Amino acid sequence: MKTHHKNSERLVTKVFQDVFDKYDLMNDLMSLGIHRLWKKNFIHWLNPQKNTTLIDVASGTGDIAKLYLNEINYKGSVCCVDENKAMLDLNKRKFKVNSNIKWFCNSAEKLPFKNNHFDYYTISFGIRNVSNLNNTLKEAYRVLKPGGRFLCLEFSKVKNEILNKFYKTYSKSIPQIGKFIVGKSEPYEYLINSIEKFHSQEKFIKQIKKQNFINISYRNLSGGIVAIHSAWKV
């Protein structure tokens, strides 16, 4: 299993190294641009309060961190975590230099923070790419304060048959679109496969529950193309 996890980790790292400078474009391709609305909905459900702390894991180019800070009028702080240094460099460009935000090049499975540290933990379009889901959720629970909230935005399972057929047909075309625009199809093939292999909404709830989170629920967006999972630390 360790070898499998290491191979998976290396593959994910290579995928995002190959497309880091086209990451936002990649999200637009995979969601037809709707990911921006999904993220706004995500922050709306988080409903962050002023003078709070957020850890944004698999932060990518910083969309969630930016929305969070705008929502609280920059009266709070956020730590952006991502394994990809080049991606973090792009992330930094979205923000003016200030003390509200810090960046950390680390794995979701080994966070460099003390226990009971953050009010909120967010991860968007990243949890399906971790090599060990249980370890990632354990770390999320560990770094949250008691009463802290976990919120995850991820591609999920479409319930409507007609929408599902359309979505699958479109998904099959994404690698070719990716090849045309950025010159490579492999990263997109990996990402589509990772979506298909990830848990259903209900199965993901069971995984979250194993880590002692409470009040676990989810909301489907766009018919279940993506889902937001919410949970709280005791």
C-alpha atoms as a PDB file:
ATOM      1  CA  MET A   1       0.000   0.000   0.000  1.00  0.00           C
ATOM      2  CA  LYS A   2       2.830   2.438   0.780  1.00  0.00           C
ATOM      3  CA  THR A   3       4.286   1.938  -2.689  1.00  0.00           C
ATOM      4  CA  HIS A   4       0.876   2.599  -4.235  1.00  0.00           C
ATOM      5  CA  HIS A   5       0.499   5.780  -2.190  1.00  0.00           C
ATOM      6  CA  LYS A   6       3.963   7.010  -3.180  1.00  0.00           C
ATOM      7  CA  ASN A   7       3.280   6.320  -6.853  1.00  0.00           C
ATOM      8  CA  SER A   8      -0.063   8.100  -6.596  1.00  0.00           C
ATOM      9  CA  GLU A   9       1.603  11.050  -4.875  1.00  0.00           C
ATOM     10  CA  ARG A  10       4.251  11.327  -7.581  1.00  0.00           C
ATOM     11  CA  LEU A  11       1.592  11.170 -10.309  1.00  0.00           C
ATOM     12  CA  VAL A  12      -0.489  13.925  -8.717  1.00  0.00           C
ATOM     13  CA  THR A  13       2.606  16.096  -8.224  1.00  0.00           C
ATOM     14  CA  LYS A  14       3.575  15.662 -11.878  1.00  0.00           C
ATOM     15  CA  VAL A  15       0.053  16.406 -13.092  1.00  0.00           C
ATOM     16  CA  PHE A  16      -0.040  19.767 -11.337  1.00  0.00           C
ATOM     17  CA  GLN A  17       3.548  20.620 -12.205  1.00  0.00           C
ATOM     18  CA  ASP A  18       2.618  20.145 -15.857  1.00  0.00           C
ATOM     19  CA  VAL A  19      -0.403  22.446 -15.760  1.00  0.00           C
ATOM     20  CA  PHE A  20       0.158  24.796 -12.803  1.00  0.00           C
ATOM     21  CA  ASP A  21       0.325  27.898 -15.016  1.00  0.00           C
ATOM     22  CA  LYS A  22      -2.943  26.875 -16.707  1.00  0.00           C
ATOM     23  CA  TYR A  23      -4.705  25.811 -13.503  1.00  0.00           C
ATOM     24  CA  ASP A  24      -7.466  28.431 -13.603  1.00  0.00           C
ATOM     25  CA  LEU A  25      -8.057  27.688 -17.277  1.00  0.00           C
ATOM     26  CA  MET A  26      -8.219  23.978 -16.415  1.00  0.00           C
ATOM     27  CA  ASN A  27     -10.960  24.655 -13.859  1.00  0.00           C
ATOM     28  CA  ASP A  28     -12.865  26.711 -16.412  1.00  0.00           C
ATOM     29  CA  LEU A  29     -12.626  23.838 -18.902  1.00  0.00           C
ATOM     30  CA  MET A  30     -13.739  21.177 -16.446  1.00  0.00           C
ATOM     31  CA  SER A  31     -16.692  23.169 -15.145  1.00  0.00           C
ATOM     32  CA  LEU A  32     -17.608  25.390 -18.118  1.00  0.00           C
ATOM     33  CA  GLY A  33     -16.681  28.307 -15.866  1.00  0.00           C
ATOM     34  CA  ILE A  34     -19.286  27.421 -13.243  1.00  0.00           C
ATOM     35  CA  HIS A  35     -16.593  26.694 -10.608  1.00  0.00           C
ATOM     36  CA  ARG A  36     -16.607  30.408  -9.742  1.00  0.00           C
ATOM     37  CA  LEU A  37     -20.278  30.208  -8.731  1.00  0.00           C
ATOM     38  CA  TRP A  38     -19.672  26.950  -6.841  1.00  0.00           C
ATOM     39  CA  LYS A  39     -16.896  28.598  -4.826  1.00  0.00           C
ATOM     40  CA  LYS A  40     -19.078  31.596  -3.972  1.00  0.00           C
ATOM     41  CA  ASN A  41     -21.804  29.199  -2.813  1.00  0.00           C
ATOM     42  CA  PHE A  42     -19.153  27.343  -0.793  1.00  0.00           C
ATOM     43  CA  ILE A  43     -18.069  30.498   1.056  1.00  0.00           C
ATOM     44  CA  HIS A  44     -21.690  31.538   1.536  1.00  0.00           C
ATOM     45  CA  TRP A  45     -22.409  28.245   3.335  1.00  0.00           C
ATOM     46  CA  LEU A  46     -19.216  28.580   5.379  1.00  0.00           C
ATOM     47  CA  ASN A  47     -20.523  31.981   6.506  1.00  0.00           C
ATOM     48  CA  PRO A  48     -17.168  33.023   8.022  1.00  0.00           C
ATOM     49  CA  GLN A  49     -17.097  35.480  10.893  1.00  0.00           C
ATOM     50  CA  LYS A  50     -14.620  38.299  11.455  1.00  0.00           C
ATOM     51  CA  ASN A  51     -11.531  37.712  13.612  1.00  0.00           C
ATOM     52  CA  THR A  52     -11.360  34.022  12.692  1.00  0.00           C
ATOM     53  CA  THR A  53      -8.637  31.795  11.256  1.00  0.00           C
ATOM     54  CA  LEU A  54      -8.862  29.633   8.138  1.00  0.00           C
ATOM     55  CA  ILE A  55      -6.631  26.894   6.787  1.00  0.00           C
ATOM     56  CA  ASP A  56      -7.206  26.437   3.058  1.00  0.00           C
ATOM     57  CA  VAL A  57      -5.668  23.117   1.987  1.00  0.00           C
ATOM     58  CA  ALA A  58      -4.872  22.299  -1.654  1.00  0.00           C
ATOM     59  CA  SER A  59      -5.233  26.048  -2.006  1.00  0.00           C
ATOM     60  CA  GLY A  60      -4.263  26.125  -5.673  1.00  0.00           C
ATOM     61  CA  THR A  61      -4.228  29.674  -6.962  1.00  0.00           C
ATOM     62  CA  GLY A  62      -6.023  31.049  -3.901  1.00  0.00           C
ATOM     63  CA  ASP A  63      -9.650  31.480  -4.984  1.00  0.00           C
ATOM     64  CA  ILE A  64     -11.116  30.283  -1.671  1.00  0.00           C
ATOM     65  CA  ALA A  65      -8.658  32.281   0.447  1.00  0.00           C
ATOM     66  CA  LYS A  66      -9.497  35.427  -1.514  1.00  0.00           C
ATOM     67  CA  LEU A  67     -13.260  34.907  -1.165  1.00  0.00           C
ATOM     68  CA  TYR A  68     -12.883  34.236   2.569  1.00  0.00           C
ATOM     69  CA  LEU A  69     -10.845  37.395   3.210  1.00  0.00           C
ATOM     70  CA  ASN A  70     -13.227  39.499   1.124  1.00  0.00           C
ATOM     71  CA  GLU A  71     -16.192  38.078   3.056  1.00  0.00           C
ATOM     72  CA  ILE A  72     -14.690  39.086   6.418  1.00  0.00           C
ATOM     73  CA  ASN A  73     -13.279  42.380   5.086  1.00  0.00           C
ATOM     74  CA  TYR A  74      -9.742  41.096   5.751  1.00  0.00           C
ATOM     75  CA  LYS A  75     -10.469  41.006   9.516  1.00  0.00           C
ATOM     76  CA  GLY A  76      -9.064  37.525  10.069  1.00  0.00           C
ATOM     77  CA  SER A  77      -6.225  35.352   8.836  1.00  0.00           C
ATOM     78  CA  VAL A  78      -5.698  32.481   6.415  1.00  0.00           C
ATOM     79  CA  CYS A  79      -2.964  29.911   5.849  1.00  0.00           C
ATOM     80  CA  CYS A  80      -2.814  28.607   2.278  1.00  0.00           C
ATOM     81  CA  VAL A  81      -1.360  25.094   2.016  1.00  0.00           C
ATOM     82  CA  ASP A  82      -0.378  23.366  -1.209  1.00  0.00           C
ATOM     83  CA  GLU A  83       2.249  20.785  -2.179  1.00  0.00           C
ATOM     84  CA  ASN A  84       3.045  22.611  -5.389  1.00  0.00           C
ATOM     85  CA  LYS A  85       5.432  25.532  -4.838  1.00  0.00           C
ATOM     86  CA  ALA A  86       4.856  26.919  -8.325  1.00  0.00           C
ATOM     87  CA  MET A  87       1.116  26.924  -7.638  1.00  0.00           C
ATOM     88  CA  LEU A  88       1.678  28.780  -4.358  1.00  0.00           C
ATOM     89  CA  ASP A  89       3.727  31.385  -6.207  1.00  0.00           C
ATOM     90  CA  LEU A  90       0.719  32.012  -8.461  1.00  0.00           C
ATOM     91  CA  ASN A  91      -1.452  32.091  -5.342  1.00  0.00           C
ATOM     92  CA  LYS A  92       0.683  34.862  -3.810  1.00  0.00           C
ATOM     93  CA  ARG A  93       0.197  37.088  -6.839  1.00  0.00           C
ATOM     94  CA  LYS A  94      -3.520  37.377  -6.058  1.00  0.00           C
ATOM     95  CA  PHE A  95      -2.842  39.147  -2.780  1.00  0.00           C
ATOM     96  CA  LYS A  96      -1.218  42.367  -1.690  1.00  0.00           C
ATOM     97  CA  VAL A  97       1.545  41.946   0.869  1.00  0.00           C
ATOM     98  CA  ASN A  98      -0.113  41.871   4.296  1.00  0.00           C
ATOM     99  CA  SER A  99      -0.104  39.952   7.552  1.00  0.00           C
ATOM    100  CA  ASN A 100      -3.517  38.353   6.959  1.00  0.00           C
ATOM    101  CA  ILE A 101      -2.231  35.548   4.774  1.00  0.00           C
ATOM    102  CA  LYS A 102       0.645  33.069   4.848  1.00  0.00           C
ATOM    103  CA  TRP A 103       1.680  30.270   2.491  1.00  0.00           C
ATOM    104  CA  PHE A 104       2.966  26.788   3.287  1.00  0.00           C
ATOM    105  CA  CYS A 105       4.297  24.181   0.860  1.00  0.00           C
ATOM    106  CA  ASN A 106       3.106  21.032   2.634  1.00  0.00           C
ATOM    107  CA  SER A 107       1.068  17.864   2.182  1.00  0.00           C
ATOM    108  CA  ALA A 108      -2.539  17.691   3.378  1.00  0.00           C
ATOM    109  CA  GLU A 109      -1.494  14.556   5.272  1.00  0.00           C
ATOM    110  CA  LYS A 110       1.168  16.300   7.357  1.00  0.00           C
ATOM    111  CA  LEU A 111       0.266  19.859   8.272  1.00  0.00           C
ATOM    112  CA  PRO A 112       2.857  22.050  10.060  1.00  0.00           C
ATOM    113  CA  PHE A 113       0.453  23.435  12.656  1.00  0.00           C
ATOM    114  CA  LYS A 114      -0.285  22.752  16.297  1.00  0.00           C
ATOM    115  CA  ASN A 115      -3.472  21.060  17.500  1.00  0.00           C
ATOM    116  CA  ASN A 116      -6.698  23.057  17.868  1.00  0.00           C
ATOM    117  CA  HIS A 117      -5.425  25.986  15.811  1.00  0.00           C
ATOM    118  CA  PHE A 118      -8.025  27.004  13.195  1.00  0.00           C
ATOM    119  CA  ASP A 119     -11.695  28.002  13.198  1.00  0.00           C
ATOM    120  CA  TYR A 120     -12.244  26.713   9.653  1.00  0.00           C
ATOM    121  CA  TYR A 121     -10.670  24.101   7.386  1.00  0.00           C
ATOM    122  CA  THR A 122     -11.480  24.279   3.681  1.00  0.00           C
ATOM    123  CA  ILE A 123     -10.394  22.111   0.777  1.00  0.00           C
ATOM    124  CA  SER A 124     -11.766  22.541  -2.738  1.00  0.00           C
ATOM    125  CA  PHE A 125     -11.182  20.163  -5.641  1.00  0.00           C
ATOM    126  CA  GLY A 126      -8.234  18.648  -3.800  1.00  0.00           C
ATOM    127  CA  ILE A 127      -9.349  15.877  -1.497  1.00  0.00           C
ATOM    128  CA  ARG A 128      -9.837  13.314  -4.262  1.00  0.00           C
ATOM    129  CA  ASN A 129      -6.135  13.730  -5.139  1.00  0.00           C
ATOM    130  CA  VAL A 130      -4.669  12.916  -1.712  1.00  0.00           C
ATOM    131  CA  SER A 131      -2.882   9.586  -1.410  1.00  0.00           C
ATOM    132  CA  ASN A 132      -4.425   8.749   1.983  1.00  0.00           C
ATOM    133  CA  LEU A 133      -7.899  10.115   2.629  1.00  0.00           C
ATOM    134  CA  ASN A 134      -8.094   8.934   6.243  1.00  0.00           C
ATOM    135  CA  ASN A 135      -4.822  10.644   7.167  1.00  0.00           C
ATOM    136  CA  THR A 136      -5.970  13.833   5.477  1.00  0.00           C
ATOM    137  CA  LEU A 137      -9.235  13.865   7.430  1.00  0.00           C
ATOM    138  CA  LYS A 138      -7.381  13.081  10.673  1.00  0.00           C
ATOM    139  CA  GLU A 139      -5.139  16.084  10.100  1.00  0.00           C
ATOM    140  CA  ALA A 140      -8.159  18.255   9.358  1.00  0.00           C
ATOM    141  CA  TYR A 141      -9.715  17.225  12.664  1.00  0.00           C
ATOM    142  CA  ARG A 142      -6.454  17.712  14.561  1.00  0.00           C
ATOM    143  CA  VAL A 143      -5.765  21.295  13.481  1.00  0.00           C
ATOM    144  CA  LEU A 144      -9.341  22.518  13.966  1.00  0.00           C
ATOM    145  CA  LYS A 145     -10.340  24.119  17.250  1.00  0.00           C
ATOM    146  CA  PRO A 146     -13.150  22.440  19.206  1.00  0.00           C
ATOM    147  CA  GLY A 147     -16.279  23.781  17.542  1.00  0.00           C
ATOM    148  CA  GLY A 148     -14.328  24.349  14.315  1.00  0.00           C
ATOM    149  CA  ARG A 149     -15.794  23.574  10.925  1.00  0.00           C
ATOM    150  CA  PHE A 150     -14.623  21.377   8.034  1.00  0.00           C
ATOM    151  CA  LEU A 151     -15.923  22.240   4.576  1.00  0.00           C
ATOM    152  CA  CYS A 152     -15.035  20.380   1.382  1.00  0.00           C
ATOM    153  CA  LEU A 153     -15.977  21.191  -2.214  1.00  0.00           C
ATOM    154  CA  GLU A 154     -15.409  18.310  -4.616  1.00  0.00           C
ATOM    155  CA  PHE A 155     -16.628  16.749  -7.846  1.00  0.00           C
ATOM    156  CA  SER A 156     -19.199  14.107  -6.959  1.00  0.00           C
ATOM    157  CA  LYS A 157     -21.884  11.805  -8.378  1.00  0.00           C
ATOM    158  CA  VAL A 158     -24.683  13.128 -10.573  1.00  0.00           C
ATOM    159  CA  LYS A 159     -28.098  11.768  -9.612  1.00  0.00           C
ATOM    160  CA  ASN A 160     -30.133  12.761 -12.665  1.00  0.00           C
ATOM    161  CA  GLU A 161     -29.710  10.235 -15.505  1.00  0.00           C
ATOM    162  CA  ILE A 162     -30.098  12.744 -18.339  1.00  0.00           C
ATOM    163  CA  LEU A 163     -27.669  15.213 -16.774  1.00  0.00           C
ATOM    164  CA  ASN A 164     -25.267  12.364 -15.999  1.00  0.00           C
ATOM    165  CA  LYS A 165     -25.194  11.255 -19.655  1.00  0.00           C
ATOM    166  CA  PHE A 166     -24.465  14.796 -20.811  1.00  0.00           C
ATOM    167  CA  TYR A 167     -21.803  15.253 -18.128  1.00  0.00           C
ATOM    168  CA  LYS A 168     -20.032  11.987 -18.985  1.00  0.00           C
ATOM    169  CA  THR A 169     -20.061  12.817 -22.695  1.00  0.00           C
ATOM    170  CA  TYR A 170     -18.576  16.238 -22.013  1.00  0.00           C
ATOM    171  CA  SER A 171     -16.001  14.782 -19.594  1.00  0.00           C
ATOM    172  CA  LYS A 172     -14.684  12.453 -22.295  1.00  0.00           C
ATOM    173  CA  SER A 173     -13.932  15.452 -24.497  1.00  0.00           C
ATOM    174  CA  ILE A 174     -11.969  17.372 -21.845  1.00  0.00           C
ATOM    175  CA  PRO A 175      -8.579  15.638 -22.417  1.00  0.00           C
ATOM    176  CA  GLN A 176      -8.708  16.532 -26.114  1.00  0.00           C
ATOM    177  CA  ILE A 177      -9.711  20.110 -25.339  1.00  0.00           C
ATOM    178  CA  GLY A 178      -6.847  20.238 -22.847  1.00  0.00           C
ATOM    179  CA  LYS A 179      -4.414  18.948 -25.445  1.00  0.00           C
ATOM    180  CA  PHE A 180      -5.546  21.584 -27.923  1.00  0.00           C
ATOM    181  CA  ILE A 181      -5.253  24.468 -25.448  1.00  0.00           C
ATOM    182  CA  VAL A 182      -2.263  23.541 -23.259  1.00  0.00           C
ATOM    183  CA  GLY A 183      -0.577  20.883 -25.408  1.00  0.00           C
ATOM    184  CA  LYS A 184      -1.135  17.925 -23.063  1.00  0.00           C
ATOM    185  CA  SER A 185      -4.015  15.511 -22.590  1.00  0.00           C
ATOM    186  CA  GLU A 186      -2.534  13.293 -19.831  1.00  0.00           C
ATOM    187  CA  PRO A 187      -3.197  15.646 -16.875  1.00  0.00           C
ATOM    188  CA  TYR A 188      -6.832  15.928 -17.904  1.00  0.00           C
ATOM    189  CA  GLU A 189      -7.171  12.174 -18.367  1.00  0.00           C
ATOM    190  CA  TYR A 190      -5.895  11.713 -14.815  1.00  0.00           C
ATOM    191  CA  LEU A 191      -8.275  14.327 -13.420  1.00  0.00           C
ATOM    192  CA  ILE A 192     -11.327  12.815 -15.138  1.00  0.00           C
ATOM    193  CA  ASN A 193     -10.374   9.351 -13.848  1.00  0.00           C
ATOM    194  CA  SER A 194      -9.896  10.703 -10.330  1.00  0.00           C
ATOM    195  CA  ILE A 195     -13.412  12.161 -10.403  1.00  0.00           C
ATOM    196  CA  GLU A 196     -14.935   8.857 -11.522  1.00  0.00           C
ATOM    197  CA  LYS A 197     -13.092   6.909  -8.802  1.00  0.00           C
ATOM    198  CA  PHE A 198     -13.913   9.246  -5.910  1.00  0.00           C
ATOM    199  CA  HIS A 199     -16.594   8.431  -3.333  1.00  0.00           C
ATOM    200  CA  SER A 200     -20.272   9.140  -3.717  1.00  0.00           C
ATOM    201  CA  GLN A 201     -21.743  11.780  -1.436  1.00  0.00           C
ATOM    202  CA  GLU A 202     -22.986   9.171   1.034  1.00  0.00           C
ATOM    203  CA  LYS A 203     -19.761   7.154   1.108  1.00  0.00           C
ATOM    204  CA  PHE A 204     -17.714  10.286   1.703  1.00  0.00           C
ATOM    205  CA  ILE A 205     -19.904  11.074   4.719  1.00  0.00           C
ATOM    206  CA  LYS A 206     -18.961   7.667   6.161  1.00  0.00           C
ATOM    207  CA  GLN A 207     -15.260   8.471   5.727  1.00  0.00           C
ATOM    208  CA  ILE A 208     -15.671  11.813   7.495  1.00  0.00           C
ATOM    209  CA  LYS A 209     -17.632  10.190  10.323  1.00  0.00           C
ATOM    210  CA  LYS A 210     -14.724   7.810  11.056  1.00  0.00           C
ATOM    211  CA  GLN A 211     -12.653  10.775  12.266  1.00  0.00           C
ATOM    212  CA  ASN A 212     -15.136  11.786  15.006  1.00  0.00           C
ATOM    213  CA  PHE A 213     -16.636  14.754  13.171  1.00  0.00           C
ATOM    214  CA  ILE A 214     -20.268  15.513  14.027  1.00  0.00           C
ATOM    215  CA  ASN A 215     -23.258  17.194  12.321  1.00  0.00           C
ATOM    216  CA  ILE A 216     -22.086  15.945   8.916  1.00  0.00           C
ATOM    217  CA  SER A 217     -24.157  16.982   5.924  1.00  0.00           C
ATOM    218  CA  TYR A 218     -23.793  17.761   2.250  1.00  0.00           C
ATOM    219  CA  ARG A 219     -25.324  19.892  -0.464  1.00  0.00           C
ATOM    220  CA  ASN A 220     -25.354  19.050  -4.156  1.00  0.00           C
ATOM    221  CA  LEU A 221     -24.604  21.804  -6.640  1.00  0.00           C
ATOM    222  CA  SER A 222     -25.480  21.565 -10.336  1.00  0.00           C
ATOM    223  CA  GLY A 223     -27.331  18.298  -9.809  1.00  0.00           C
ATOM    224  CA  GLY A 224     -24.455  16.624  -7.976  1.00  0.00           C
ATOM    225  CA  ILE A 225     -21.673  17.438 -10.431  1.00  0.00           C
ATOM    226  CA  VAL A 226     -20.078  18.799  -7.290  1.00  0.00           C
ATOM    227  CA  ALA A 227     -21.016  18.516  -3.636  1.00  0.00           C
ATOM    228  CA  ILE A 228     -20.142  20.488  -0.524  1.00  0.00           C
ATOM    229  CA  HIS A 229     -19.601  18.402   2.608  1.00  0.00           C
ATOM    230  CA  SER A 230     -19.796  20.101   5.994  1.00  0.00           C
ATOM    231  CA  ALA A 231     -18.748  18.741   9.395  1.00  0.00           C
ATOM    232  CA  TRP A 232     -17.865  20.035  12.862  1.00  0.00           C
ATOM    233  CA  LYS A 233     -15.248  19.157  15.439  1.00  0.00           C
ATOM    234  CA  VAL A 234     -16.551  18.316  18.892  1.00  0.00           C
END
